[in-house]
PDB file of N, CA and C in Angstrom:
ATOM      1  N   UNK A   1     -17.827 -24.737   0.963  1.00  0.00           N
ATOM      2  CA  UNK A   1     -17.182 -24.116   1.272  1.00  0.00           C
ATOM      3  C   UNK A   1     -17.536 -22.691   1.173  1.00  0.00           C
ATOM      4  N   UNK A   2     -17.425 -21.710   1.504  1.00  0.00           N
ATOM      5  CA  UNK A   2     -17.739 -20.147   1.414  1.00  0.00           C
ATOM      6  C   UNK A   2     -16.509 -19.565   0.641  1.00  0.00           C
ATOM      7  N   UNK A   3     -17.179 -18.889  -0.426  1.00  0.00           N
ATOM      8  CA  UNK A   3     -15.859 -17.872  -0.890  1.00  0.00           C
ATOM      9  C   UNK A   3     -15.363 -16.942  -0.026  1.00  0.00           C
ATOM     10  N   UNK A   4     -14.577 -17.015   0.189  1.00  0.00           N
ATOM     11  CA  UNK A   4     -13.976 -16.323   0.853  1.00  0.00           C
ATOM     12  C   UNK A   4     -12.726 -15.075  -0.009  1.00  0.00           C
ATOM     13  N   UNK A   5     -13.072 -15.268  -1.274  1.00  0.00           N
ATOM     14  CA  UNK A   5     -12.094 -14.408  -2.169  1.00  0.00           C
ATOM     15  C   UNK A   5     -12.746 -13.158  -2.493  1.00  0.00           C
ATOM     16  N   UNK A   6     -14.120 -13.182  -2.520  1.00  0.00           N
ATOM     17  CA  UNK A   6     -14.568 -11.517  -2.395  1.00  0.00           C
ATOM     18  C   UNK A   6     -15.616 -11.187  -1.108  1.00  0.00           C
ATOM     19  N   UNK A   7     -15.659  -9.891  -0.952  1.00  0.00           N
ATOM     20  CA  UNK A   7     -16.201  -9.478   0.319  1.00  0.00           C
ATOM     21  C   UNK A   7     -17.923  -9.647  -0.045  1.00  0.00           C
ATOM     22  N   UNK A   8     -18.123  -9.888   0.663  1.00  0.00           N
ATOM     23  CA  UNK A   8     -20.158 -10.236   0.618  1.00  0.00           C
ATOM     24  C   UNK A   8     -20.019  -8.678   0.774  1.00  0.00           C
ATOM     25  N   UNK A   9     -21.630  -8.536  -0.211  1.00  0.00           N
ATOM     26  CA  UNK A   9     -22.350  -7.365  -0.536  1.00  0.00           C
ATOM     27  C   UNK A   9     -22.742  -6.494   0.904  1.00  0.00           C
ATOM     28  N   UNK A  10     -22.942  -7.759   1.656  1.00  0.00           N
ATOM     29  CA  UNK A  10     -23.852  -6.600   2.877  1.00  0.00           C
ATOM     30  C   UNK A  10     -22.637  -6.003   3.767  1.00  0.00           C
ATOM     31  N   UNK A  11     -21.196  -6.777   3.716  1.00  0.00           N
ATOM     32  CA  UNK A  11     -20.354  -6.172   4.576  1.00  0.00           C
ATOM     33  C   UNK A  11     -19.484  -4.996   3.879  1.00  0.00           C
ATOM     34  N   UNK A  12     -19.750  -4.540   2.440  1.00  0.00           N
ATOM     35  CA  UNK A  12     -19.531  -3.609   1.885  1.00  0.00           C
ATOM     36  C   UNK A  12     -19.412  -2.324   2.623  1.00  0.00           C
ATOM     37  N   UNK A  13     -20.753  -1.917   3.267  1.00  0.00           N
ATOM     38  CA  UNK A  13     -20.659  -0.695   3.930  1.00  0.00           C
ATOM     39  C   UNK A  13     -20.098  -0.708   4.922  1.00  0.00           C
ATOM     40  N   UNK A  14     -19.753  -1.638   6.028  1.00  0.00           N
ATOM     41  CA  UNK A  14     -18.955  -1.452   6.917  1.00  0.00           C
ATOM     42  C   UNK A  14     -17.454  -1.344   6.580  1.00  0.00           C
ATOM     43  N   UNK A  15     -16.992  -2.195   5.236  1.00  0.00           N
ATOM     44  CA  UNK A  15     -15.524  -1.463   4.763  1.00  0.00           C
ATOM     45  C   UNK A  15     -15.377  -0.646   4.958  1.00  0.00           C
ATOM     46  N   UNK A  16     -16.223   0.300   3.961  1.00  0.00           N
ATOM     47  CA  UNK A  16     -16.012   1.566   3.475  1.00  0.00           C
ATOM     48  C   UNK A  16     -15.963   2.592   4.982  1.00  0.00           C
ATOM     49  N   UNK A  17     -17.076   2.199   5.729  1.00  0.00           N
ATOM     50  CA  UNK A  17     -17.105   3.239   7.062  1.00  0.00           C
ATOM     51  C   UNK A  17     -15.826   2.496   7.781  1.00  0.00           C
ATOM     52  N   UNK A  18     -15.119   1.763   7.840  1.00  0.00           N
ATOM     53  CA  UNK A  18     -14.195   1.178   8.543  1.00  0.00           C
ATOM     54  C   UNK A  18     -12.707   1.612   7.975  1.00  0.00           C
ATOM     55  N   UNK A  19     -12.707   1.858   6.582  1.00  0.00           N
ATOM     56  CA  UNK A  19     -11.869   2.468   5.865  1.00  0.00           C
ATOM     57  C   UNK A  19     -10.728   1.271   5.602  1.00  0.00           C
ATOM     58  N   UNK A  20      -9.230   1.512   5.035  1.00  0.00           N
ATOM     59  CA  UNK A  20      -8.424   0.368   5.285  1.00  0.00           C
ATOM     60  C   UNK A  20      -7.710   0.073   6.222  1.00  0.00           C
ATOM     61  N   UNK A  21      -6.993  -1.092   6.231  1.00  0.00           N
ATOM     62  CA  UNK A  21      -6.544  -1.414   7.763  1.00  0.00           C
ATOM     63  C   UNK A  21      -5.269  -1.296   7.610  1.00  0.00           C
ATOM     64  N   UNK A  22      -4.779  -0.473   8.796  1.00  0.00           N
ATOM     65  CA  UNK A  22      -3.258   0.188   8.500  1.00  0.00           C
ATOM     66  C   UNK A  22      -2.378  -1.037   9.651  1.00  0.00           C
ATOM     67  N   UNK A  23      -1.188  -1.089   8.980  1.00  0.00           N
ATOM     68  CA  UNK A  23      -0.517  -1.840   9.930  1.00  0.00           C
ATOM     69  C   UNK A  23       0.323  -0.983  10.944  1.00  0.00           C
ATOM     70  N   UNK A  24       0.916  -1.838  11.682  1.00  0.00           N
ATOM     71  CA  UNK A  24       0.979  -1.240  13.093  1.00  0.00           C
ATOM     72  C   UNK A  24       1.886  -0.104  13.022  1.00  0.00           C
ATOM     73  N   UNK A  25       2.828  -0.081  12.615  1.00  0.00           N
ATOM     74  CA  UNK A  25       3.759   1.129  12.183  1.00  0.00           C
ATOM     75  C   UNK A  25       2.899   2.438  11.560  1.00  0.00           C
ATOM     76  N   UNK A  26       1.781   2.313  10.668  1.00  0.00           N
ATOM     77  CA  UNK A  26       0.727   3.274  10.074  1.00  0.00           C
ATOM     78  C   UNK A  26      -0.180   3.594  11.690  1.00  0.00           C
ATOM     79  N   UNK A  27      -0.459   2.843  12.071  1.00  0.00           N
ATOM     80  CA  UNK A  27      -1.428   3.482  13.306  1.00  0.00           C
ATOM     81  C   UNK A  27      -0.607   4.532  13.978  1.00  0.00           C
ATOM     82  N   UNK A  28       0.517   3.449  14.649  1.00  0.00           N
ATOM     83  CA  UNK A  28       1.323   4.394  15.511  1.00  0.00           C
ATOM     84  C   UNK A  28       1.951   5.629  15.015  1.00  0.00           C
ATOM     85  N   UNK A  29       2.091   5.733  14.009  1.00  0.00           N
ATOM     86  CA  UNK A  29       2.197   6.964  13.543  1.00  0.00           C
ATOM     87  C   UNK A  29       0.977   8.015  13.225  1.00  0.00           C
ATOM     88  N   UNK A  30      -0.288   7.336  13.162  1.00  0.00           N
ATOM     89  CA  UNK A  30      -1.433   8.309  13.136  1.00  0.00           C
ATOM     90  C   UNK A  30      -1.604   8.980  14.435  1.00  0.00           C
ATOM     91  N   UNK A  31      -1.481   7.703  15.448  1.00  0.00           N
ATOM     92  CA  UNK A  31      -1.731   8.332  16.911  1.00  0.00           C
ATOM     93  C   UNK A  31      -0.581   9.041  16.984  1.00  0.00           C
ATOM     94  N   UNK A  32       0.965   9.246  17.020  1.00  0.00           N
ATOM     95  CA  UNK A  32       1.868  10.130  17.357  1.00  0.00           C
ATOM     96  C   UNK A  32       1.340  11.663  16.648  1.00  0.00           C
ATOM     97  N   UNK A  33       0.672  11.410  15.384  1.00  0.00           N
ATOM     98  CA  UNK A  33       0.599  12.757  14.481  1.00  0.00           C
ATOM     99  C   UNK A  33      -0.390  13.479  15.270  1.00  0.00           C
ATOM    100  N   UNK A  34      -1.647  12.298  15.921  1.00  0.00           N
ATOM    101  CA  UNK A  34      -2.574  13.304  16.526  1.00  0.00           C
ATOM    102  C   UNK A  34      -2.538  13.714  17.288  1.00  0.00           C
ATOM    103  N   UNK A  35      -1.430  13.154  18.575  1.00  0.00           N
ATOM    104  CA  UNK A  35      -1.333  13.590  19.811  1.00  0.00           C
ATOM    105  C   UNK A  35      -0.293  14.888  20.004  1.00  0.00           C
ATOM    106  N   UNK A  36       0.362  15.073  19.048  1.00  0.00           N
ATOM    107  CA  UNK A  36       1.336  16.144  18.741  1.00  0.00           C
ATOM    108  C   UNK A  36       0.658  17.293  18.175  1.00  0.00           C
ATOM    109  N   UNK A  37      -0.708  17.003  17.541  1.00  0.00           N
ATOM    110  CA  UNK A  37      -1.103  18.025  16.640  1.00  0.00           C
ATOM    111  C   UNK A  37      -2.031  18.752  17.550  1.00  0.00           C
ATOM    112  N   UNK A  38      -2.612  17.837  18.770  1.00  0.00           N
ATOM    113  CA  UNK A  38      -3.647  18.008  19.956  1.00  0.00           C
ATOM    114  C   UNK A  38      -2.848  19.219  20.977  1.00  0.00           C
ATOM    115  N   UNK A  39      -1.406  18.891  21.318  1.00  0.00           N
ATOM    116  CA  UNK A  39      -0.582  19.379  22.104  1.00  0.00           C
ATOM    117  C   UNK A  39       0.058  20.960  21.564  1.00  0.00           C
ATOM    118  N   UNK A  40       0.135  20.630  20.110  1.00  0.00           N
ATOM    119  CA  UNK A  40       0.686  22.017  19.373  1.00  0.00           C
ATOM    120  C   UNK A  40      -0.507  23.172  19.264  1.00  0.00           C
ATOM    121  N   UNK A  41      -1.512  22.660  19.323  1.00  0.00           N
ATOM    122  CA  UNK A  41      -2.489  23.397  18.996  1.00  0.00           C
ATOM    123  C   UNK A  41      -3.015  24.103  20.119  1.00  0.00           C
ATOM    124  N   UNK A  42      -2.766  23.442  21.374  1.00  0.00           N
ATOM    125  CA  UNK A  42      -3.267  23.987  22.489  1.00  0.00           C
ATOM    126  C   UNK A  42      -2.128  25.413  22.709  1.00  0.00           C
ATOM    127  N   UNK A  43      -0.610  24.454  22.442  1.00  0.00           N
ATOM    128  CA  UNK A  43       0.083  25.736  22.579  1.00  0.00           C
ATOM    129  C   UNK A  43      -0.275  26.842  21.681  1.00  0.00           C
ATOM    130  N   UNK A  44      -0.411  26.923  20.579  1.00  0.00           N
ATOM    131  CA  UNK A  44      -0.852  27.884  19.661  1.00  0.00           C
ATOM    132  C   UNK A  44      -2.269  28.626  20.184  1.00  0.00           C
ATOM    133  N   UNK A  45      -3.251  28.239  20.802  1.00  0.00           N
ATOM    134  CA  UNK A  45      -4.594  28.636  21.269  1.00  0.00           C
ATOM    135  C   UNK A  45      -4.156  29.504  22.922  1.00  0.00           C
ATOM    136  N   UNK A  46      -3.181  28.931  23.482  1.00  0.00           N
ATOM    137  CA  UNK A  46      -2.232  29.495  24.971  1.00  0.00           C
ATOM    138  C   UNK A  46      -1.774  30.945  24.158  1.00  0.00           C
ATOM    139  N   UNK A  47      -1.155  30.517  23.206  1.00  0.00           N
ATOM    140  CA  UNK A  47      -0.232  32.037  22.606  1.00  0.00           C
ATOM    141  C   UNK A  47      -1.190  33.137  21.986  1.00  0.00           C
ATOM    142  N   UNK A  48      -2.400  32.822  21.303  1.00  0.00           N
ATOM    143  CA  UNK A  48      -3.313  34.004  20.959  1.00  0.00           C
ATOM    144  C   UNK A  48      -4.007  34.445  22.097  1.00  0.00           C
ATOM    145  N   UNK A  49      -4.398  33.631  23.089  1.00  0.00           N
ATOM    146  CA  UNK A  49      -4.973  34.363  24.564  1.00  0.00           C
ATOM    147  C   UNK A  49      -3.883  35.443  25.162  1.00  0.00           C
ATOM    148  N   UNK A  50      -2.574  34.786  24.713  1.00  0.00           N
ATOM    149  CA  UNK A  50      -1.780  36.022  25.668  1.00  0.00           C
ATOM    150  C   UNK A  50      -0.941  37.101  24.496  1.00  0.00           C
ATOM    151  N   UNK A  51      -1.112  37.296  23.677  1.00  0.00           N
ATOM    152  CA  UNK A  51      -0.825  37.811  22.648  1.00  0.00           C
ATOM    153  C   UNK A  51      -1.519  38.199  21.312  1.00  0.00           C
ATOM    154  N   UNK A  52      -1.496  39.557  21.055  1.00  0.00           N
ATOM    155  CA  UNK A  52      -2.264  39.994  19.752  1.00  0.00           C
ATOM    156  C   UNK A  52      -2.037  39.168  18.676  1.00  0.00           C
ATOM    157  N   UNK A  53      -2.754  38.749  17.871  1.00  0.00           N
ATOM    158  CA  UNK A  53      -2.644  37.804  16.611  1.00  0.00           C
ATOM    159  C   UNK A  53      -1.463  38.390  15.672  1.00  0.00           C
ATOM    160  N   UNK A  54      -1.531  39.615  15.516  1.00  0.00           N
ATOM    161  CA  UNK A  54      -0.512  39.954  14.340  1.00  0.00           C
ATOM    162  C   UNK A  54       0.840  39.749  14.520  1.00  0.00           C
ATOM    163  N   UNK A  55       1.396  39.816  15.634  1.00  0.00           N
ATOM    164  CA  UNK A  55       3.111  39.051  15.738  1.00  0.00           C
ATOM    165  C   UNK A  55       2.982  37.468  15.695  1.00  0.00           C
ATOM    166  N   UNK A  56       1.918  36.827  16.001  1.00  0.00           N
ATOM    167  CA  UNK A  56       2.055  35.263  16.095  1.00  0.00           C
ATOM    168  C   UNK A  56       1.837  34.988  14.871  1.00  0.00           C
ATOM    169  N   UNK A  57       1.169  35.884  13.621  1.00  0.00           N
ATOM    170  CA  UNK A  57       0.958  35.071  12.374  1.00  0.00           C
ATOM    171  C   UNK A  57       1.779  34.589  11.611  1.00  0.00           C
ATOM    172  N   UNK A  58       3.138  35.199  11.334  1.00  0.00           N
ATOM    173  CA  UNK A  58       4.484  34.417  11.087  1.00  0.00           C
ATOM    174  C   UNK A  58       4.342  32.910  11.263  1.00  0.00           C
ATOM    175  N   UNK A  59       4.381  33.136  12.774  1.00  0.00           N
ATOM    176  CA  UNK A  59       4.482  31.364  12.979  1.00  0.00           C
ATOM    177  C   UNK A  59       3.549  30.498  12.530  1.00  0.00           C
ATOM    178  N   UNK A  60       2.179  31.165  12.025  1.00  0.00           N
ATOM    179  CA  UNK A  60       1.178  30.126  11.483  1.00  0.00           C
ATOM    180  C   UNK A  60       1.816  30.042  10.050  1.00  0.00           C
ATOM    181  N   UNK A  61       2.145  30.784   9.542  1.00  0.00           N
ATOM    182  CA  UNK A  61       2.897  30.496   7.983  1.00  0.00           C
ATOM    183  C   UNK A  61       4.038  29.280   7.934  1.00  0.00           C
ATOM    184  N   UNK A  62       4.931  29.528   9.413  1.00  0.00           N
ATOM    185  CA  UNK A  62       6.027  28.728   9.367  1.00  0.00           C
ATOM    186  C   UNK A  62       5.530  26.961   9.623  1.00  0.00           C
ATOM    187  N   UNK A  63       4.160  26.945  10.008  1.00  0.00           N
ATOM    188  CA  UNK A  63       3.278  25.743  10.480  1.00  0.00           C
ATOM    189  C   UNK A  63       3.268  25.109   9.251  1.00  0.00           C
ATOM    190  N   UNK A  64       3.090  25.850   8.252  1.00  0.00           N
ATOM    191  CA  UNK A  64       2.995  24.772   6.798  1.00  0.00           C
ATOM    192  C   UNK A  64       4.062  24.296   6.735  1.00  0.00           C
ATOM    193  N   UNK A  65       5.382  24.747   6.499  1.00  0.00           N
ATOM    194  CA  UNK A  65       6.268  24.129   6.448  1.00  0.00           C
ATOM    195  C   UNK A  65       6.792  23.050   7.216  1.00  0.00           C
ATOM    196  N   UNK A  66       6.558  23.373   8.242  1.00  0.00           N
ATOM    197  CA  UNK A  66       6.701  21.912   9.255  1.00  0.00           C
ATOM    198  C   UNK A  66       5.728  21.054   9.217  1.00  0.00           C
ATOM    199  N   UNK A  67       4.524  21.176   8.690  1.00  0.00           N
ATOM    200  CA  UNK A  67       3.270  20.177   8.492  1.00  0.00           C
ATOM    201  C   UNK A  67       4.024  19.536   7.158  1.00  0.00           C
ATOM    202  N   UNK A  68       4.500  20.203   5.967  1.00  0.00           N
ATOM    203  CA  UNK A  68       4.957  19.832   4.917  1.00  0.00           C
ATOM    204  C   UNK A  68       6.103  18.701   5.490  1.00  0.00           C
ATOM    205  N   UNK A  69       6.980  18.927   6.022  1.00  0.00           N
ATOM    206  CA  UNK A  69       8.290  18.333   6.255  1.00  0.00           C
ATOM    207  C   UNK A  69       7.830  17.154   6.956  1.00  0.00           C
ATOM    208  N   UNK A  70       6.789  17.110   8.118  1.00  0.00           N
ATOM    209  CA  UNK A  70       6.870  16.341   9.052  1.00  0.00           C
ATOM    210  C   UNK A  70       5.676  15.324   7.892  1.00  0.00           C
ATOM    211  N   UNK A  71       4.759  15.613   6.928  1.00  0.00           N
ATOM    212  CA  UNK A  71       4.269  14.905   6.265  1.00  0.00           C
ATOM    213  C   UNK A  71       5.155  13.760   5.195  1.00  0.00           C
ATOM    214  N   UNK A  72       6.398  14.410   5.088  1.00  0.00           N
ATOM    215  CA  UNK A  72       7.178  14.120   3.627  1.00  0.00           C
ATOM    216  C   UNK A  72       8.390  12.772   4.888  1.00  0.00           C
ATOM    217  N   UNK A  73       8.159  13.086   6.289  1.00  0.00           N
ATOM    218  CA  UNK A  73       8.965  12.327   6.820  1.00  0.00           C
ATOM    219  C   UNK A  73       8.378  11.082   7.253  1.00  0.00           C
ATOM    220  N   UNK A  74       7.384  11.298   7.535  1.00  0.00           N
ATOM    221  CA  UNK A  74       6.149  10.530   8.818  1.00  0.00           C
ATOM    222  C   UNK A  74       5.412   9.215   7.493  1.00  0.00           C
ATOM    223  N   UNK A  75       4.946  10.250   6.426  1.00  0.00           N
ATOM    224  CA  UNK A  75       4.126   9.285   5.536  1.00  0.00           C
ATOM    225  C   UNK A  75       4.987   9.189   4.051  1.00  0.00           C
ATOM    226  N   UNK A  76       5.910   9.875   3.920  1.00  0.00           N
ATOM    227  CA  UNK A  76       6.694   9.888   2.380  1.00  0.00           C
ATOM    228  C   UNK A  76       5.520  10.755   1.499  1.00  0.00           C
ATOM    229  N   UNK A  77       4.949  11.933   2.103  1.00  0.00           N
ATOM    230  CA  UNK A  77       4.010  12.342   0.736  1.00  0.00           C
ATOM    231  C   UNK A  77       4.504  13.554   0.758  1.00  0.00           C
ATOM    232  N   UNK A  78       4.349  14.212  -0.392  1.00  0.00           N
ATOM    233  CA  UNK A  78       4.449  15.790  -0.610  1.00  0.00           C
ATOM    234  C   UNK A  78       3.079  16.150  -0.896  1.00  0.00           C
ATOM    235  N   UNK A  79       2.862  18.061  -0.991  1.00  0.00           N
ATOM    236  CA  UNK A  79       1.809  18.155  -1.625  1.00  0.00           C
ATOM    237  C   UNK A  79       1.633  18.235  -3.253  1.00  0.00           C
ATOM    238  N   UNK A  80       0.708  17.982  -3.618  1.00  0.00           N
ATOM    239  CA  UNK A  80       0.839  18.044  -4.995  1.00  0.00           C
ATOM    240  C   UNK A  80       0.999  19.773  -5.853  1.00  0.00           C
ATOM    241  N   UNK A  81       1.099  19.380  -7.192  1.00  0.00           N
ATOM    242  CA  UNK A  81       1.597  21.245  -7.621  1.00  0.00           C
ATOM    243  C   UNK A  81       0.797  22.211  -7.153  1.00  0.00           C
ATOM    244  N   UNK A  82      -0.677  22.115  -7.212  1.00  0.00           N
ATOM    245  CA  UNK A  82      -1.363  23.300  -6.803  1.00  0.00           C
ATOM    246  C   UNK A  82      -1.761  23.459  -5.331  1.00  0.00           C
ATOM    247  N   UNK A  83      -1.524  22.293  -4.547  1.00  0.00           N
ATOM    248  CA  UNK A  83      -1.336  22.851  -3.032  1.00  0.00           C
ATOM    249  C   UNK A  83       0.099  23.582  -3.073  1.00  0.00           C
ATOM    250  N   UNK A  84       1.206  23.044  -3.600  1.00  0.00           N
ATOM    251  CA  UNK A  84       2.429  23.821  -3.224  1.00  0.00           C
ATOM    252  C   UNK A  84       2.364  25.272  -3.669  1.00  0.00           C
ATOM    253  N   UNK A  85       1.736  25.429  -4.832  1.00  0.00           N
ATOM    254  CA  UNK A  85       1.534  26.727  -5.195  1.00  0.00           C
ATOM    255  C   UNK A  85       0.771  27.287  -4.453  1.00  0.00           C
ATOM    256  N   UNK A  86      -0.566  27.039  -4.356  1.00  0.00           N
ATOM    257  CA  UNK A  86      -1.284  28.041  -2.923  1.00  0.00           C
ATOM    258  C   UNK A  86      -0.525  27.791  -1.830  1.00  0.00           C
ATOM    259  N   UNK A  87       0.164  26.839  -0.784  1.00  0.00           N
ATOM    260  CA  UNK A  87       0.918  27.245   0.396  1.00  0.00           C
ATOM    261  C   UNK A  87       1.878  28.166  -0.220  1.00  0.00           C
ATOM    262  N   UNK A  88       2.546  27.996  -1.229  1.00  0.00           N
ATOM    263  CA  UNK A  88       3.604  29.532  -1.645  1.00  0.00           C
ATOM    264  C   UNK A  88       3.025  30.682  -1.668  1.00  0.00           C
ATOM    265  N   UNK A  89       1.846  30.967  -2.142  1.00  0.00           N
ATOM    266  CA  UNK A  89       0.956  32.228  -2.037  1.00  0.00           C
ATOM    267  C   UNK A  89       0.946  32.586  -0.739  1.00  0.00           C
ATOM    268  N   UNK A  90      -0.257  31.701  -0.176  1.00  0.00           N
ATOM    269  CA  UNK A  90      -0.219  32.155   1.247  1.00  0.00           C
ATOM    270  C   UNK A  90       0.840  32.270   1.991  1.00  0.00           C
ATOM    271  N   UNK A  91       1.883  31.873   2.304  1.00  0.00           N
ATOM    272  CA  UNK A  91       3.002  32.161   2.992  1.00  0.00           C
ATOM    273  C   UNK A  91       3.596  33.441   2.246  1.00  0.00           C
ATOM    274  N   UNK A  92       3.746  33.729   1.069  1.00  0.00           N
ATOM    275  CA  UNK A  92       4.276  34.747   0.653  1.00  0.00           C
ATOM    276  C   UNK A  92       3.687  35.981   1.004  1.00  0.00           C
ATOM    277  N   UNK A  93       2.323  36.039   0.706  1.00  0.00           N
ATOM    278  CA  UNK A  93       1.521  36.728   1.352  1.00  0.00           C
ATOM    279  C   UNK A  93       1.591  37.335   2.967  1.00  0.00           C
ATOM    280  N   UNK A  94       1.598  36.353   3.658  1.00  0.00           N
ATOM    281  CA  UNK A  94       1.927  36.443   5.321  1.00  0.00           C
ATOM    282  C   UNK A  94       3.080  37.338   5.614  1.00  0.00           C
ATOM    283  N   UNK A  95       4.106  36.817   4.625  1.00  0.00           N
ATOM    284  CA  UNK A  95       5.377  37.349   5.242  1.00  0.00           C
ATOM    285  C   UNK A  95       5.403  38.846   4.499  1.00  0.00           C
ATOM    286  N   UNK A  96       4.887  38.702   2.932  1.00  0.00           N
ATOM    287  CA  UNK A  96       4.651  40.409   3.212  1.00  0.00           C
ATOM    288  C   UNK A  96       4.170  41.448   3.880  1.00  0.00           C
ATOM    289  N   UNK A  97       2.967  40.836   4.255  1.00  0.00           N
ATOM    290  CA  UNK A  97       2.158  41.602   5.408  1.00  0.00           C
ATOM    291  C   UNK A  97       3.149  41.661   6.637  1.00  0.00           C
ATOM    292  N   UNK A  98       3.622  41.065   7.110  1.00  0.00           N
ATOM    293  CA  UNK A  98       4.617  41.312   8.075  1.00  0.00           C
ATOM    294  C   UNK A  98       5.543  42.117   8.065  1.00  0.00           C
ATOM    295  N   UNK A  99       6.423  42.260   6.844  1.00  0.00           N
ATOM    296  CA  UNK A  99       7.159  43.066   6.440  1.00  0.00           C
ATOM    297  C   UNK A  99       6.807  44.568   6.114  1.00  0.00           C
ATOM    298  N   UNK A 100       5.594  44.515   5.842  1.00  0.00           N
ATOM    299  CA  UNK A 100       4.744  45.825   5.225  1.00  0.00           C
ATOM    300  C   UNK A 100       4.756  46.428   6.712  1.00  0.00           C
ATOM    301  N   UNK A 101       4.284  45.571   7.670  1.00  0.00           N
ATOM    302  CA  UNK A 101       3.564  46.222   8.990  1.00  0.00           C
ATOM    303  C   UNK A 101       4.890  46.438   9.756  1.00  0.00           C
ATOM    304  N   UNK A 102       5.684  45.672   9.463  1.00  0.00           N
ATOM    305  CA  UNK A 102       6.823  46.331  10.136  1.00  0.00           C
ATOM    306  C   UNK A 102       7.741  47.663  10.227  1.00  0.00           C
ATOM    307  N   UNK A 103       7.883  47.667   8.713  1.00  0.00           N
ATOM    308  CA  UNK A 103       8.477  49.054   8.149  1.00  0.00           C
ATOM    309  C   UNK A 103       7.225  50.224   8.575  1.00  0.00           C
ATOM    310  N   UNK A 104       5.880  50.068   8.457  1.00  0.00           N
ATOM    311  CA  UNK A 104       5.327  51.215   8.569  1.00  0.00           C
ATOM    312  C   UNK A 104       4.245  50.510   9.670  1.00  0.00           C
ATOM    313  N   UNK A 105       4.309  50.785  10.971  1.00  0.00           N
ATOM    314  CA  UNK A 105       3.553  50.583  12.201  1.00  0.00           C
ATOM    315  C   UNK A 105       2.104  51.608  12.032  1.00  0.00           C
ATOM    316  N   UNK A 106       1.231  50.854  12.387  1.00  0.00           N
ATOM    317  CA  UNK A 106      -0.042  51.470  12.844  1.00  0.00           C
ATOM    318  C   UNK A 106      -0.187  52.273  14.009  1.00  0.00           C
ATOM    319  N   UNK A 107      -0.400  53.440  14.581  1.00  0.00           N
ATOM    320  CA  UNK A 107      -0.982  53.750  15.674  1.00  0.00           C
ATOM    321  C   UNK A 107      -2.215  53.629  16.392  1.00  0.00           C
ATOM    322  N   UNK A 108      -2.369  52.981  17.187  1.00  0.00           N
ATOM    323  CA  UNK A 108      -3.424  52.539  17.788  1.00  0.00           C
ATOM    324  C   UNK A 108      -4.150  53.639  18.362  1.00  0.00           C
TER     325      UNK A 108
END
């Protein structure tokens, strides 16, 4: 009788390529996130084709907040400390830039 308790060595590369087996709920969540991301990125691309990037920039920073929230709700994960600090710096610099541009608009 073959030993099924251990993964055979010849199957190990296939296991590493395939990744871990997901439950049906995880698979459904993965496809929902993929489909919604595709739809939302197409909206972002359409908006950038219709308007200049500077008024749309704050929305890209708000996207980080939504992604963090949906990652917590769907997968139960939050960013680690370094990632959270990095996102906070990026969002704060973007908001400061938008605020400065609004107070002192440049002549084109």
